[in-house]
Amino acid sequence: MTDATGGGGAAPAGAETPGLRRTADAPLISDERRRLAAALRPLHTLTVGGELDDAALAEAADAVEGVAARLTARAGPGKHPRQPPDMQRPPQDFFPSSPITGLLNPISPPVRVWMVDGPDGGYDEIRGDAFFDYPYEGPPTCVHGGVIAETFDEILGAANMVANNAGMTGTLTVRYRKPTPLRTDLRIEARCLGRDGRKVRTWGGLFHGDVLTAEAEGIFIVVAPAGFVAIAEANPNSSDPAMLEAMRAEAANVGSAMVGEPAGRVGPVGADDADRGHPPD
């Protein structure tokens, strides 16, 4: 079932949102920006799939156009600052503006993710759940294959991050084993399989109950912090100064917490697992 945000699996009253537990030294992402994104998600679903007459649609369009005009008038000339991923935060907070997991992005479902212990003391892994509504439809009643591929790209990347082997996607191979149903609770698993030099191999699966509907294997390339700086500097029209300065500071700080460590956790981990994120109750 959908909750008020347009995502699946609403948490009980008073429960914390999966993946949003606060760490001691890191504030939560903007509550008001997150609230606005959540308010917009049902509009996407209703626009695509709602049984509405033209009068209702015209009334909604007038209201939304008015809100957009007012926000445009109040917006500054720059871009809302985006910080590089903080490895001491839970996976849900790695990419707040992501179109897949980002709670600040109204086009994200959002897919909910958290971290779990890997088997036998190996790499930590990612678990998640998803509910794809009408905006994500491909074949009738099924999730669009491109949306599934995009989801894997992000979730496998998060699995690499919690394994301390973050990198950029080199290749992503998706196998569509069965149609993935729309508007249905789905679950996700992803794990880093190993690293050979700069190449990281990662696997992910998308499940409807116990049925594997799609799986993906990716080869990711570890990029040093200075490499990320070079990429951002080559795209000046879409970068923001605050993000670029943070990336430069990280590159100057003898390497990154995202690169080159053995299997296991990244950064300090609280005894109560507050920085891992938690699955829905």
C-alpha atoms as a PDB file:
ATOM      1  CA  MET A   1       0.000   0.000   0.000  1.00  0.00           C
ATOM      2  CA  THR A   2       1.106   3.571  -0.521  1.00  0.00           C
ATOM      3  CA  ASP A   3       1.576   6.047   2.281  1.00  0.00           C
ATOM      4  CA  ALA A   4       1.090   9.795   2.125  1.00  0.00           C
ATOM      5  CA  THR A   5       4.481  10.261   0.479  1.00  0.00           C
ATOM      6  CA  GLY A   6       3.633   8.039  -2.451  1.00  0.00           C
ATOM      7  CA  GLY A   7       6.023   5.334  -1.226  1.00  0.00           C
ATOM      8  CA  GLY A   8       5.222   1.889   0.080  1.00  0.00           C
ATOM      9  CA  GLY A   9       5.037   0.441   3.543  1.00  0.00           C
ATOM     10  CA  ALA A  10       4.019   3.263   5.864  1.00  0.00           C
ATOM     11  CA  ALA A  11       5.655   3.024   9.282  1.00  0.00           C
ATOM     12  CA  PRO A  12       3.471   2.925  12.397  1.00  0.00           C
ATOM     13  CA  ALA A  13       2.602   6.177  14.123  1.00  0.00           C
ATOM     14  CA  GLY A  14       5.548   7.482  16.084  1.00  0.00           C
ATOM     15  CA  ALA A  15       8.064   5.255  14.308  1.00  0.00           C
ATOM     16  CA  GLU A  16      11.100   6.743  12.609  1.00  0.00           C
ATOM     17  CA  THR A  17      11.221   6.633   8.830  1.00  0.00           C
ATOM     18  CA  PRO A  18      13.487   3.787   7.634  1.00  0.00           C
ATOM     19  CA  GLY A  19      17.018   5.054   7.071  1.00  0.00           C
ATOM     20  CA  LEU A  20      16.466   8.386   8.831  1.00  0.00           C
ATOM     21  CA  ARG A  21      17.862   7.831  12.294  1.00  0.00           C
ATOM     22  CA  ARG A  22      19.959  10.761  13.423  1.00  0.00           C
ATOM     23  CA  THR A  23      23.668  10.494  14.153  1.00  0.00           C
ATOM     24  CA  ALA A  24      25.195  12.575  16.921  1.00  0.00           C
ATOM     25  CA  ASP A  25      26.978  15.083  14.684  1.00  0.00           C
ATOM     26  CA  ALA A  26      24.842  15.162  11.530  1.00  0.00           C
ATOM     27  CA  PRO A  27      21.448  16.916  11.287  1.00  0.00           C
ATOM     28  CA  LEU A  28      18.640  15.387   9.278  1.00  0.00           C
ATOM     29  CA  ILE A  29      18.030  16.652   5.783  1.00  0.00           C
ATOM     30  CA  SER A  30      15.727  19.652   5.453  1.00  0.00           C
ATOM     31  CA  ASP A  31      12.328  18.721   6.861  1.00  0.00           C
ATOM     32  CA  GLU A  32      10.495  21.369   4.832  1.00  0.00           C
ATOM     33  CA  ARG A  33      12.156  20.430   1.538  1.00  0.00           C
ATOM     34  CA  ARG A  34      11.420  16.773   2.250  1.00  0.00           C
ATOM     35  CA  ARG A  35       7.813  17.697   3.091  1.00  0.00           C
ATOM     36  CA  LEU A  36       7.413  19.524  -0.226  1.00  0.00           C
ATOM     37  CA  ALA A  37       8.801  16.548  -2.161  1.00  0.00           C
ATOM     38  CA  ALA A  38       6.414  14.214  -0.335  1.00  0.00           C
ATOM     39  CA  ALA A  39       3.466  16.508  -1.120  1.00  0.00           C
ATOM     40  CA  LEU A  40       4.300  16.473  -4.830  1.00  0.00           C
ATOM     41  CA  ARG A  41       4.537  12.674  -5.231  1.00  0.00           C
ATOM     42  CA  PRO A  42       0.774  12.006  -5.083  1.00  0.00           C
ATOM     43  CA  LEU A  43       0.300  14.691  -7.745  1.00  0.00           C
ATOM     44  CA  HIS A  44       2.540  12.705 -10.096  1.00  0.00           C
ATOM     45  CA  THR A  45       0.530   9.555  -9.458  1.00  0.00           C
ATOM     46  CA  LEU A  46      -2.830  11.293  -9.855  1.00  0.00           C
ATOM     47  CA  THR A  47      -1.710  13.072 -13.036  1.00  0.00           C
ATOM     48  CA  VAL A  48      -0.653   9.801 -14.652  1.00  0.00           C
ATOM     49  CA  GLY A  49      -3.248   7.400 -13.295  1.00  0.00           C
ATOM     50  CA  GLY A  50      -5.998   9.267 -11.469  1.00  0.00           C
ATOM     51  CA  GLU A  51      -9.551   9.010 -12.798  1.00  0.00           C
ATOM     52  CA  LEU A  52     -10.189  12.772 -12.976  1.00  0.00           C
ATOM     53  CA  ASP A  53     -12.335  14.945 -15.219  1.00  0.00           C
ATOM     54  CA  ASP A  54     -10.994  17.908 -17.168  1.00  0.00           C
ATOM     55  CA  ALA A  55     -12.441  20.436 -14.726  1.00  0.00           C
ATOM     56  CA  ALA A  56     -10.552  18.893 -11.815  1.00  0.00           C
ATOM     57  CA  LEU A  57      -7.347  18.733 -13.870  1.00  0.00           C
ATOM     58  CA  ALA A  58      -7.701  22.379 -14.966  1.00  0.00           C
ATOM     59  CA  GLU A  59      -8.265  23.495 -11.368  1.00  0.00           C
ATOM     60  CA  ALA A  60      -5.195  21.561 -10.227  1.00  0.00           C
ATOM     61  CA  ALA A  61      -3.076  22.941 -13.071  1.00  0.00           C
ATOM     62  CA  ASP A  62      -4.032  26.508 -12.151  1.00  0.00           C
ATOM     63  CA  ALA A  63      -3.078  25.922  -8.519  1.00  0.00           C
ATOM     64  CA  VAL A  64       0.222  24.229  -9.336  1.00  0.00           C
ATOM     65  CA  GLU A  65       1.158  26.890 -11.879  1.00  0.00           C
ATOM     66  CA  GLY A  66       0.546  29.516  -9.197  1.00  0.00           C
ATOM     67  CA  VAL A  67       2.742  27.725  -6.661  1.00  0.00           C
ATOM     68  CA  ALA A  68       5.498  27.282  -9.255  1.00  0.00           C
ATOM     69  CA  ALA A  69       5.399  30.971 -10.123  1.00  0.00           C
ATOM     70  CA  ARG A  70       5.637  31.998  -6.457  1.00  0.00           C
ATOM     71  CA  LEU A  71       8.550  29.652  -5.769  1.00  0.00           C
ATOM     72  CA  THR A  72      10.356  30.826  -8.908  1.00  0.00           C
ATOM     73  CA  ALA A  73      10.010  34.437  -7.761  1.00  0.00           C
ATOM     74  CA  ARG A  74      11.497  33.598  -4.342  1.00  0.00           C
ATOM     75  CA  ALA A  75      14.300  31.313  -5.553  1.00  0.00           C
ATOM     76  CA  GLY A  76      17.861  32.580  -5.586  1.00  0.00           C
ATOM     77  CA  PRO A  77      20.070  32.536  -8.685  1.00  0.00           C
ATOM     78  CA  GLY A  78      22.106  29.501  -7.646  1.00  0.00           C
ATOM     79  CA  LYS A  79      21.515  25.847  -6.814  1.00  0.00           C
ATOM     80  CA  HIS A  80      20.566  24.360  -3.466  1.00  0.00           C
ATOM     81  CA  PRO A  81      23.885  23.051  -2.079  1.00  0.00           C
ATOM     82  CA  ARG A  82      24.523  19.352  -2.432  1.00  0.00           C
ATOM     83  CA  GLN A  83      27.164  17.748  -0.251  1.00  0.00           C
ATOM     84  CA  PRO A  84      29.186  14.649  -1.155  1.00  0.00           C
ATOM     85  CA  PRO A  85      27.849  11.456   0.451  1.00  0.00           C
ATOM     86  CA  ASP A  86      28.608  11.222   4.163  1.00  0.00           C
ATOM     87  CA  MET A  87      29.653   7.662   4.914  1.00  0.00           C
ATOM     88  CA  GLN A  88      28.714   8.063   8.573  1.00  0.00           C
ATOM     89  CA  ARG A  89      25.071   8.602   7.639  1.00  0.00           C
ATOM     90  CA  PRO A  90      22.589   5.791   6.882  1.00  0.00           C
ATOM     91  CA  PRO A  91      22.278   4.716   3.234  1.00  0.00           C
ATOM     92  CA  GLN A  92      18.931   6.495   2.814  1.00  0.00           C
ATOM     93  CA  ASP A  93      20.812   9.761   3.239  1.00  0.00           C
ATOM     94  CA  PHE A  94      23.669   9.042   0.815  1.00  0.00           C
ATOM     95  CA  PHE A  95      21.915  10.803  -2.087  1.00  0.00           C
ATOM     96  CA  PRO A  96      19.032  12.975  -0.789  1.00  0.00           C
ATOM     97  CA  SER A  97      18.255  14.351  -4.267  1.00  0.00           C
ATOM     98  CA  SER A  98      18.409  10.988  -6.058  1.00  0.00           C
ATOM     99  CA  PRO A  99      15.521  10.070  -8.402  1.00  0.00           C
ATOM    100  CA  ILE A 100      15.452   6.608  -6.790  1.00  0.00           C
ATOM    101  CA  THR A 101      16.083   6.889  -3.036  1.00  0.00           C
ATOM    102  CA  GLY A 102      16.127  10.648  -2.537  1.00  0.00           C
ATOM    103  CA  LEU A 103      13.624  11.948  -0.009  1.00  0.00           C
ATOM    104  CA  LEU A 104      14.199  15.476  -1.345  1.00  0.00           C
ATOM    105  CA  ASN A 105      13.319  14.474  -4.915  1.00  0.00           C
ATOM    106  CA  PRO A 106       9.604  14.362  -5.761  1.00  0.00           C
ATOM    107  CA  ILE A 107      10.134  12.002  -8.710  1.00  0.00           C
ATOM    108  CA  SER A 108      11.671   9.286  -6.503  1.00  0.00           C
ATOM    109  CA  PRO A 109       9.224   6.533  -5.377  1.00  0.00           C
ATOM    110  CA  PRO A 110      11.228   6.623  -2.967  1.00  0.00           C
ATOM    111  CA  VAL A 111      12.967   3.265  -2.626  1.00  0.00           C
ATOM    112  CA  ARG A 112      13.789   2.704   1.084  1.00  0.00           C
ATOM    113  CA  VAL A 113      17.222   1.294   1.915  1.00  0.00           C
ATOM    114  CA  TRP A 114      19.192   0.297   5.003  1.00  0.00           C
ATOM    115  CA  MET A 115      22.395  -1.546   5.868  1.00  0.00           C
ATOM    116  CA  VAL A 116      22.757  -5.063   7.311  1.00  0.00           C
ATOM    117  CA  ASP A 117      25.698  -7.171   8.438  1.00  0.00           C
ATOM    118  CA  GLY A 118      27.281  -9.287   5.753  1.00  0.00           C
ATOM    119  CA  PRO A 119      27.669 -13.043   6.236  1.00  0.00           C
ATOM    120  CA  ASP A 120      30.683 -14.395   8.120  1.00  0.00           C
ATOM    121  CA  GLY A 121      32.084 -10.953   8.890  1.00  0.00           C
ATOM    122  CA  GLY A 122      32.235  -9.954   5.211  1.00  0.00           C
ATOM    123  CA  TYR A 123      31.118  -6.782   3.535  1.00  0.00           C
ATOM    124  CA  ASP A 124      28.067  -5.019   4.932  1.00  0.00           C
ATOM    125  CA  GLU A 125      25.107  -5.228   2.540  1.00  0.00           C
ATOM    126  CA  ILE A 126      22.046  -3.266   1.465  1.00  0.00           C
ATOM    127  CA  ARG A 127      18.430  -4.253   1.950  1.00  0.00           C
ATOM    128  CA  GLY A 128      15.471  -2.257   0.773  1.00  0.00           C
ATOM    129  CA  ASP A 129      11.841  -2.138  -0.202  1.00  0.00           C
ATOM    130  CA  ALA A 130      10.013  -0.422  -3.017  1.00  0.00           C
ATOM    131  CA  PHE A 131       6.512   0.371  -4.228  1.00  0.00           C
ATOM    132  CA  PHE A 132       6.368   1.622  -7.811  1.00  0.00           C
ATOM    133  CA  ASP A 133       3.137   3.450  -8.606  1.00  0.00           C
ATOM    134  CA  TYR A 134       1.581   4.492 -11.930  1.00  0.00           C
ATOM    135  CA  PRO A 135       4.345   6.960 -12.965  1.00  0.00           C
ATOM    136  CA  TYR A 136       6.782   4.030 -13.234  1.00  0.00           C
ATOM    137  CA  GLU A 137       4.667   1.793 -15.493  1.00  0.00           C
ATOM    138  CA  GLY A 138       6.153   0.169 -18.582  1.00  0.00           C
ATOM    139  CA  PRO A 139       4.260  -2.811 -19.999  1.00  0.00           C
ATOM    140  CA  PRO A 140       0.684  -2.786 -18.706  1.00  0.00           C
ATOM    141  CA  THR A 141       0.625  -3.482 -14.934  1.00  0.00           C
ATOM    142  CA  CYS A 142       4.437  -3.863 -14.808  1.00  0.00           C
ATOM    143  CA  VAL A 143       7.353  -1.683 -13.691  1.00  0.00           C
ATOM    144  CA  HIS A 144       9.245  -0.077 -16.582  1.00  0.00           C
ATOM    145  CA  GLY A 145      12.490  -1.923 -17.360  1.00  0.00           C
ATOM    146  CA  GLY A 146      14.429   1.329 -17.444  1.00  0.00           C
ATOM    147  CA  VAL A 147      13.229   2.176 -13.944  1.00  0.00           C
ATOM    148  CA  ILE A 148      14.410  -1.238 -12.745  1.00  0.00           C
ATOM    149  CA  ALA A 149      17.843  -0.679 -14.316  1.00  0.00           C
ATOM    150  CA  GLU A 150      18.101   2.779 -12.763  1.00  0.00           C
ATOM    151  CA  THR A 151      17.158   1.323  -9.383  1.00  0.00           C
ATOM    152  CA  PHE A 152      19.857  -1.319  -9.629  1.00  0.00           C
ATOM    153  CA  ASP A 153      22.452   1.265 -10.632  1.00  0.00           C
ATOM    154  CA  GLU A 154      21.814   3.219  -7.456  1.00  0.00           C
ATOM    155  CA  ILE A 155      21.308   0.321  -5.051  1.00  0.00           C
ATOM    156  CA  LEU A 156      24.441  -1.506  -6.211  1.00  0.00           C
ATOM    157  CA  GLY A 157      26.332   1.740  -5.799  1.00  0.00           C
ATOM    158  CA  ALA A 158      25.056   2.024  -2.217  1.00  0.00           C
ATOM    159  CA  ALA A 159      26.161  -1.566  -1.562  1.00  0.00           C
ATOM    160  CA  ASN A 160      29.644  -0.629  -2.686  1.00  0.00           C
ATOM    161  CA  MET A 161      29.639   2.385  -0.412  1.00  0.00           C
ATOM    162  CA  VAL A 162      28.760   0.415   2.725  1.00  0.00           C
ATOM    163  CA  ALA A 163      31.479  -2.078   1.718  1.00  0.00           C
ATOM    164  CA  ASN A 164      33.957   0.825   1.478  1.00  0.00           C
ATOM    165  CA  ASN A 165      34.477   0.191  -2.241  1.00  0.00           C
ATOM    166  CA  ALA A 166      32.622   3.151  -3.750  1.00  0.00           C
ATOM    167  CA  GLY A 167      33.058   3.757  -7.442  1.00  0.00           C
ATOM    168  CA  MET A 168      31.384   4.805 -10.667  1.00  0.00           C
ATOM    169  CA  THR A 169      29.424   2.430 -12.860  1.00  0.00           C
ATOM    170  CA  GLY A 170      31.478   0.808 -15.620  1.00  0.00           C
ATOM    171  CA  THR A 171      29.011  -1.793 -16.824  1.00  0.00           C
ATOM    172  CA  LEU A 172      25.578  -2.832 -15.564  1.00  0.00           C
ATOM    173  CA  THR A 173      24.009  -6.067 -16.776  1.00  0.00           C
ATOM    174  CA  VAL A 174      20.325  -6.533 -15.940  1.00  0.00           C
ATOM    175  CA  ARG A 175      18.464  -9.811 -16.329  1.00  0.00           C
ATOM    176  CA  TYR A 176      14.681  -9.466 -16.383  1.00  0.00           C
ATOM    177  CA  ARG A 177      13.592 -12.882 -15.153  1.00  0.00           C
ATOM    178  CA  LYS A 178       9.871 -12.210 -14.722  1.00  0.00           C
ATOM    179  CA  PRO A 179       7.621  -9.163 -15.134  1.00  0.00           C
ATOM    180  CA  THR A 180       7.884  -6.995 -12.018  1.00  0.00           C
ATOM    181  CA  PRO A 181       4.364  -6.014 -10.905  1.00  0.00           C
ATOM    182  CA  LEU A 182       3.374  -2.395 -10.494  1.00  0.00           C
ATOM    183  CA  ARG A 183       1.768  -1.097  -7.279  1.00  0.00           C
ATOM    184  CA  THR A 184       3.051  -4.049  -5.280  1.00  0.00           C
ATOM    185  CA  ASP A 185       5.393  -4.283  -2.295  1.00  0.00           C
ATOM    186  CA  LEU A 186       8.822  -5.373  -3.508  1.00  0.00           C
ATOM    187  CA  ARG A 187      12.080  -6.046  -1.724  1.00  0.00           C
ATOM    188  CA  ILE A 188      15.682  -5.505  -2.745  1.00  0.00           C
ATOM    189  CA  GLU A 189      19.021  -7.065  -1.856  1.00  0.00           C
ATOM    190  CA  ALA A 190      22.452  -5.854  -2.949  1.00  0.00           C
ATOM    191  CA  ARG A 191      25.979  -6.856  -2.026  1.00  0.00           C
ATOM    192  CA  CYS A 192      29.543  -6.162  -3.051  1.00  0.00           C
ATOM    193  CA  LEU A 193      31.082  -9.427  -4.290  1.00  0.00           C
ATOM    194  CA  GLY A 194      34.707  -8.343  -4.339  1.00  0.00           C
ATOM    195  CA  ARG A 195      37.347  -5.985  -5.595  1.00  0.00           C
ATOM    196  CA  ASP A 196      40.297  -6.477  -7.937  1.00  0.00           C
ATOM    197  CA  GLY A 197      42.418  -3.356  -8.096  1.00  0.00           C
ATOM    198  CA  ARG A 198      40.107  -0.529  -9.128  1.00  0.00           C
ATOM    199  CA  LYS A 199      37.351  -2.866 -10.362  1.00  0.00           C
ATOM    200  CA  VAL A 200      34.515  -3.729  -7.985  1.00  0.00           C
ATOM    201  CA  ARG A 201      31.954  -6.445  -8.751  1.00  0.00           C
ATOM    202  CA  THR A 202      28.483  -6.126  -7.253  1.00  0.00           C
ATOM    203  CA  TRP A 203      25.169  -8.006  -7.396  1.00  0.00           C
ATOM    204  CA  GLY A 204      21.581  -7.003  -6.698  1.00  0.00           C
ATOM    205  CA  GLY A 205      18.180  -8.682  -6.814  1.00  0.00           C
ATOM    206  CA  LEU A 206      14.584  -7.434  -6.952  1.00  0.00           C
ATOM    207  CA  PHE A 207      11.980  -9.730  -5.416  1.00  0.00           C
ATOM    208  CA  HIS A 208       8.185 -10.016  -5.365  1.00  0.00           C
ATOM    209  CA  GLY A 209       7.769 -12.102  -2.255  1.00  0.00           C
ATOM    210  CA  ASP A 210      10.241 -14.939  -2.720  1.00  0.00           C
ATOM    211  CA  VAL A 211      10.236 -14.654  -6.521  1.00  0.00           C
ATOM    212  CA  LEU A 212      13.290 -13.056  -8.121  1.00  0.00           C
ATOM    213  CA  THR A 213      11.866 -10.836 -10.868  1.00  0.00           C
ATOM    214  CA  ALA A 214      15.112  -9.134 -11.908  1.00  0.00           C
ATOM    215  CA  GLU A 215      18.787  -9.179 -10.999  1.00  0.00           C
ATOM    216  CA  ALA A 216      21.815  -7.171 -11.956  1.00  0.00           C
ATOM    217  CA  GLU A 217      25.563  -7.468 -11.850  1.00  0.00           C
ATOM    218  CA  GLY A 218      27.770  -4.429 -12.160  1.00  0.00           C
ATOM    219  CA  ILE A 219      31.423  -3.630 -12.584  1.00  0.00           C
ATOM    220  CA  PHE A 220      32.252  -0.375 -10.841  1.00  0.00           C
ATOM    221  CA  ILE A 221      35.470   1.612 -11.097  1.00  0.00           C
ATOM    222  CA  VAL A 222      36.991   3.119  -7.949  1.00  0.00           C
ATOM    223  CA  VAL A 223      37.698   6.808  -8.488  1.00  0.00           C
ATOM    224  CA  ALA A 224      39.992   8.789  -6.201  1.00  0.00           C
ATOM    225  CA  PRO A 225      38.557  12.003  -4.672  1.00  0.00           C
ATOM    226  CA  ALA A 226      40.648  14.095  -7.053  1.00  0.00           C
ATOM    227  CA  GLY A 227      38.969  12.271  -9.931  1.00  0.00           C
ATOM    228  CA  PHE A 228      35.513  13.259  -8.694  1.00  0.00           C
ATOM    229  CA  VAL A 229      36.704  16.872  -8.445  1.00  0.00           C
ATOM    230  CA  ALA A 230      37.867  16.768 -12.065  1.00  0.00           C
ATOM    231  CA  ILE A 231      34.489  15.389 -13.180  1.00  0.00           C
ATOM    232  CA  ALA A 232      32.578  18.119 -11.330  1.00  0.00           C
ATOM    233  CA  GLU A 233      34.874  20.867 -12.626  1.00  0.00           C
ATOM    234  CA  ALA A 234      34.232  19.657 -16.165  1.00  0.00           C
ATOM    235  CA  ASN A 235      30.483  20.220 -15.693  1.00  0.00           C
ATOM    236  CA  PRO A 236      30.290  23.799 -14.375  1.00  0.00           C
ATOM    237  CA  ASN A 237      26.683  24.323 -15.468  1.00  0.00           C
ATOM    238  CA  SER A 238      25.349  21.735 -13.022  1.00  0.00           C
ATOM    239  CA  SER A 239      27.757  21.847 -10.076  1.00  0.00           C
ATOM    240  CA  ASP A 240      27.407  24.159  -7.096  1.00  0.00           C
ATOM    241  CA  PRO A 241      30.226  25.959  -5.267  1.00  0.00           C
ATOM    242  CA  ALA A 242      29.543  24.441  -1.847  1.00  0.00           C
ATOM    243  CA  MET A 243      29.642  20.893  -3.176  1.00  0.00           C
ATOM    244  CA  LEU A 244      32.786  21.566  -5.188  1.00  0.00           C
ATOM    245  CA  GLU A 245      34.604  23.066  -2.214  1.00  0.00           C
ATOM    246  CA  ALA A 246      33.692  20.084  -0.036  1.00  0.00           C
ATOM    247  CA  MET A 247      34.979  17.718  -2.727  1.00  0.00           C
ATOM    248  CA  ARG A 248      38.224  19.660  -3.045  1.00  0.00           C
ATOM    249  CA  ALA A 249      38.719  19.563   0.725  1.00  0.00           C
ATOM    250  CA  GLU A 250      38.164  15.805   0.729  1.00  0.00           C
ATOM    251  CA  ALA A 251      40.594  15.324  -2.156  1.00  0.00           C
ATOM    252  CA  ALA A 252      43.211  17.323  -0.276  1.00  0.00           C
ATOM    253  CA  ASN A 253      42.777  15.266   2.859  1.00  0.00           C
ATOM    254  CA  VAL A 254      44.996  12.311   1.912  1.00  0.00           C
ATOM    255  CA  GLY A 255      42.297  10.183   0.336  1.00  0.00           C
ATOM    256  CA  SER A 256      38.694   9.487   1.090  1.00  0.00           C
ATOM    257  CA  ALA A 257      36.733   7.372   3.524  1.00  0.00           C
ATOM    258  CA  MET A 258      35.084   5.934   0.407  1.00  0.00           C
ATOM    259  CA  VAL A 259      38.196   4.341  -1.093  1.00  0.00           C
ATOM    260  CA  GLY A 260      40.633   1.617  -0.302  1.00  0.00           C
ATOM    261  CA  GLU A 261      39.607   0.039   3.001  1.00  0.00           C
ATOM    262  CA  PRO A 262      39.135  -3.681   3.639  1.00  0.00           C
ATOM    263  CA  ALA A 263      35.770  -5.368   4.159  1.00  0.00           C
ATOM    264  CA  GLY A 264      33.592  -4.182   6.984  1.00  0.00           C
ATOM    265  CA  ARG A 265      32.007  -1.014   8.268  1.00  0.00           C
ATOM    266  CA  VAL A 266      32.907   2.467   7.148  1.00  0.00           C
ATOM    267  CA  GLY A 267      33.572   5.028   9.836  1.00  0.00           C
ATOM    268  CA  PRO A 268      32.338   4.917  13.431  1.00  0.00           C
ATOM    269  CA  VAL A 269      29.262   2.784  13.988  1.00  0.00           C
ATOM    270  CA  GLY A 270      27.022   3.411  16.955  1.00  0.00           C
ATOM    271  CA  ALA A 271      26.151   0.515  19.215  1.00  0.00           C
ATOM    272  CA  ASP A 272      22.463   1.013  18.506  1.00  0.00           C
ATOM    273  CA  ASP A 273      23.001   0.837  14.722  1.00  0.00           C
ATOM    274  CA  ALA A 274      21.484   4.307  14.414  1.00  0.00           C
ATOM    275  CA  ASP A 275      23.664   5.134  11.431  1.00  0.00           C
ATOM    276  CA  ARG A 276      22.628   2.063   9.457  1.00  0.00           C
ATOM    277  CA  GLY A 277      19.016   2.837   8.868  1.00  0.00           C
ATOM    278  CA  HIS A 278      16.347   0.348   9.838  1.00  0.00           C
ATOM    279  CA  PRO A 279      13.771  -1.661   7.922  1.00  0.00           C
ATOM    280  CA  PRO A 280      10.084  -0.907   8.438  1.00  0.00           C
ATOM    281  CA  ASP A 281       8.537  -2.484  11.519  1.00  0.00           C
END
